Amino acid sequence: MDVEIVGRKDNLLLERSEVDFLVKHENESTPPRKQVREALGIALNVGKSILIVDSFTSEFGKGTSKGTARVYKDLEKAKKIEDDHILVRNGLMEKKKK
């Protein structure tokens, strides 16, 4: 699995960087979000606790997936801005029971 950074934009108002990426996984199944976060963290030289993979979709028959991620300055800022279901999906928060 190879991760390629396609675009990166700094959002100074929300104190984060917004990243577009491409994952190449030929002859393999689509990698899980956790594995993509780890590889993306290594590519961006950031910790997993401040990296949030927002969307991640596979392209049928091509062996590639496109996605967007956000890198925050700290975890507290991410928890203030991001929706709860996004934080749960990325393993940064426990699911609330009703």
C-alpha atoms as a PDB file:
ATOM      1  CA  MET A   1       0.000   0.000   0.000  1.00  0.00           C
ATOM      2  CA  ASP A   2       1.390   3.360  -1.067  1.00  0.00           C
ATOM      3  CA  VAL A   3       0.051   6.735   0.062  1.00  0.00           C
ATOM      4  CA  GLU A   4       0.482   9.768  -2.171  1.00  0.00           C
ATOM      5  CA  ILE A   5      -0.344  13.307  -1.031  1.00  0.00           C
ATOM      6  CA  VAL A   6      -2.221  14.989  -3.887  1.00  0.00           C
ATOM      7  CA  GLY A   7      -2.964  18.356  -2.290  1.00  0.00           C
ATOM      8  CA  ARG A   8      -2.577  20.192   0.987  1.00  0.00           C
ATOM      9  CA  LYS A   9      -4.139  23.449   2.114  1.00  0.00           C
ATOM     10  CA  ASP A  10      -3.740  25.253   5.440  1.00  0.00           C
ATOM     11  CA  ASN A  11      -6.941  26.518   7.038  1.00  0.00           C
ATOM     12  CA  LEU A  12      -5.792  29.188   9.484  1.00  0.00           C
ATOM     13  CA  LEU A  13      -9.279  29.980  10.768  1.00  0.00           C
ATOM     14  CA  LEU A  14      -9.877  26.417  12.017  1.00  0.00           C
ATOM     15  CA  GLU A  15      -6.190  25.815  12.818  1.00  0.00           C
ATOM     16  CA  ARG A  16      -5.860  22.728  10.632  1.00  0.00           C
ATOM     17  CA  SER A  17      -4.434  21.446   7.376  1.00  0.00           C
ATOM     18  CA  GLU A  18      -6.730  19.820   4.837  1.00  0.00           C
ATOM     19  CA  VAL A  19      -5.122  17.032   2.826  1.00  0.00           C
ATOM     20  CA  ASP A  20      -6.232  15.190  -0.323  1.00  0.00           C
ATOM     21  CA  PHE A  21      -4.579  11.807  -0.769  1.00  0.00           C
ATOM     22  CA  LEU A  22      -4.475   8.779  -3.024  1.00  0.00           C
ATOM     23  CA  VAL A  23      -3.879   5.218  -1.799  1.00  0.00           C
ATOM     24  CA  LYS A  24      -2.582   2.635  -4.262  1.00  0.00           C
ATOM     25  CA  HIS A  25      -3.415  -0.940  -3.265  1.00  0.00           C
ATOM     26  CA  GLU A  26      -3.186  -3.036  -6.414  1.00  0.00           C
ATOM     27  CA  ASN A  27      -3.997  -6.766  -6.095  1.00  0.00           C
ATOM     28  CA  GLU A  28      -5.184  -6.147  -2.517  1.00  0.00           C
ATOM     29  CA  SER A  29      -8.514  -5.355  -0.929  1.00  0.00           C
ATOM     30  CA  THR A  30      -9.328  -1.836   0.198  1.00  0.00           C
ATOM     31  CA  PRO A  31      -7.270  -1.179   3.341  1.00  0.00           C
ATOM     32  CA  PRO A  32      -9.120  -0.378   6.576  1.00  0.00           C
ATOM     33  CA  ARG A  33      -9.316   3.214   7.789  1.00  0.00           C
ATOM     34  CA  LYS A  34      -6.968   2.474  10.700  1.00  0.00           C
ATOM     35  CA  GLN A  35      -4.228   1.280   8.361  1.00  0.00           C
ATOM     36  CA  VAL A  36      -4.713   4.296   6.084  1.00  0.00           C
ATOM     37  CA  ARG A  37      -4.436   6.659   9.096  1.00  0.00           C
ATOM     38  CA  GLU A  38      -1.143   5.035  10.128  1.00  0.00           C
ATOM     39  CA  ALA A  39       0.347   5.271   6.621  1.00  0.00           C
ATOM     40  CA  LEU A  40      -0.908   8.836   6.177  1.00  0.00           C
ATOM     41  CA  GLY A  41       0.543   9.838   9.561  1.00  0.00           C
ATOM     42  CA  ILE A  42       3.944   8.533   8.481  1.00  0.00           C
ATOM     43  CA  ALA A  43       3.715  10.348   5.130  1.00  0.00           C
ATOM     44  CA  LEU A  44       2.780  13.639   6.834  1.00  0.00           C
ATOM     45  CA  ASN A  45       5.089  13.196   9.874  1.00  0.00           C
ATOM     46  CA  VAL A  46       2.237  13.682  12.366  1.00  0.00           C
ATOM     47  CA  GLY A  47       0.751  11.600  15.166  1.00  0.00           C
ATOM     48  CA  LYS A  48      -2.467   9.632  14.741  1.00  0.00           C
ATOM     49  CA  SER A  49      -4.163  11.529  17.559  1.00  0.00           C
ATOM     50  CA  ILE A  50      -4.396  14.743  15.517  1.00  0.00           C
ATOM     51  CA  LEU A  51      -5.106  13.110  12.129  1.00  0.00           C
ATOM     52  CA  ILE A  52      -8.698  12.548  11.022  1.00  0.00           C
ATOM     53  CA  VAL A  53      -9.587  10.710   7.816  1.00  0.00           C
ATOM     54  CA  ASP A  54     -12.823  12.332   6.699  1.00  0.00           C
ATOM     55  CA  SER A  55     -13.758  10.447   3.542  1.00  0.00           C
ATOM     56  CA  PHE A  56     -12.209   7.450   1.862  1.00  0.00           C
ATOM     57  CA  THR A  57     -13.662   5.791  -1.249  1.00  0.00           C
ATOM     58  CA  SER A  58     -12.399   3.095  -3.583  1.00  0.00           C
ATOM     59  CA  GLU A  59     -12.463   3.330  -7.325  1.00  0.00           C
ATOM     60  CA  PHE A  60     -13.967   0.173  -8.795  1.00  0.00           C
ATOM     61  CA  GLY A  61     -11.471  -1.966 -10.680  1.00  0.00           C
ATOM     62  CA  LYS A  62      -8.518   0.404 -10.411  1.00  0.00           C
ATOM     63  CA  GLY A  63      -6.783  -0.626  -7.175  1.00  0.00           C
ATOM     64  CA  THR A  64      -6.768   2.951  -5.905  1.00  0.00           C
ATOM     65  CA  SER A  65      -8.738   4.896  -3.333  1.00  0.00           C
ATOM     66  CA  LYS A  66      -9.156   8.637  -2.912  1.00  0.00           C
ATOM     67  CA  GLY A  67      -9.706  10.442   0.340  1.00  0.00           C
ATOM     68  CA  THR A  68      -9.545  13.599   2.375  1.00  0.00           C
ATOM     69  CA  ALA A  69      -8.044  14.085   5.813  1.00  0.00           C
ATOM     70  CA  ARG A  70      -7.583  16.865   8.333  1.00  0.00           C
ATOM     71  CA  VAL A  71      -4.558  17.494  10.530  1.00  0.00           C
ATOM     72  CA  TYR A  72      -5.240  19.596  13.624  1.00  0.00           C
ATOM     73  CA  LYS A  73      -2.825  21.470  15.874  1.00  0.00           C
ATOM     74  CA  ASP A  74      -4.006  19.480  18.913  1.00  0.00           C
ATOM     75  CA  LEU A  75      -6.653  16.936  19.893  1.00  0.00           C
ATOM     76  CA  GLU A  76      -8.774  19.386  21.887  1.00  0.00           C
ATOM     77  CA  LYS A  77      -9.239  21.610  18.830  1.00  0.00           C
ATOM     78  CA  ALA A  78     -10.321  18.568  16.803  1.00  0.00           C
ATOM     79  CA  LYS A  79     -12.879  17.563  19.435  1.00  0.00           C
ATOM     80  CA  LYS A  80     -14.406  21.055  19.410  1.00  0.00           C
ATOM     81  CA  ILE A  81     -14.800  21.200  15.623  1.00  0.00           C
ATOM     82  CA  GLU A  82     -15.440  17.653  14.394  1.00  0.00           C
ATOM     83  CA  ASP A  83     -18.752  15.818  14.685  1.00  0.00           C
ATOM     84  CA  ASP A  84     -18.931  12.984  17.199  1.00  0.00           C
ATOM     85  CA  HIS A  85     -19.488  10.261  14.583  1.00  0.00           C
ATOM     86  CA  ILE A  86     -16.306  11.290  12.746  1.00  0.00           C
ATOM     87  CA  LEU A  87     -14.306  11.112  15.982  1.00  0.00           C
ATOM     88  CA  VAL A  88     -15.762   7.675  16.769  1.00  0.00           C
ATOM     89  CA  ARG A  89     -15.013   6.452  13.244  1.00  0.00           C
ATOM     90  CA  ASN A  90     -11.360   7.471  13.659  1.00  0.00           C
ATOM     91  CA  GLY A  91     -11.039   5.937  17.117  1.00  0.00           C
ATOM     92  CA  LEU A  92     -10.590   9.228  18.966  1.00  0.00           C
ATOM     93  CA  MET A  93     -13.783   8.972  20.985  1.00  0.00           C
ATOM     94  CA  GLU A  94     -16.002   6.229  22.425  1.00  0.00           C
ATOM     95  CA  LYS A  95     -19.500   5.817  21.053  1.00  0.00           C
ATOM     96  CA  LYS A  96     -22.136   7.348  23.315  1.00  0.00           C
ATOM     97  CA  LYS A  97     -24.855   5.002  24.494  1.00  0.00           C
ATOM     98  CA  LYS A  98     -28.442   6.168  24.341  1.00  0.00           C
END
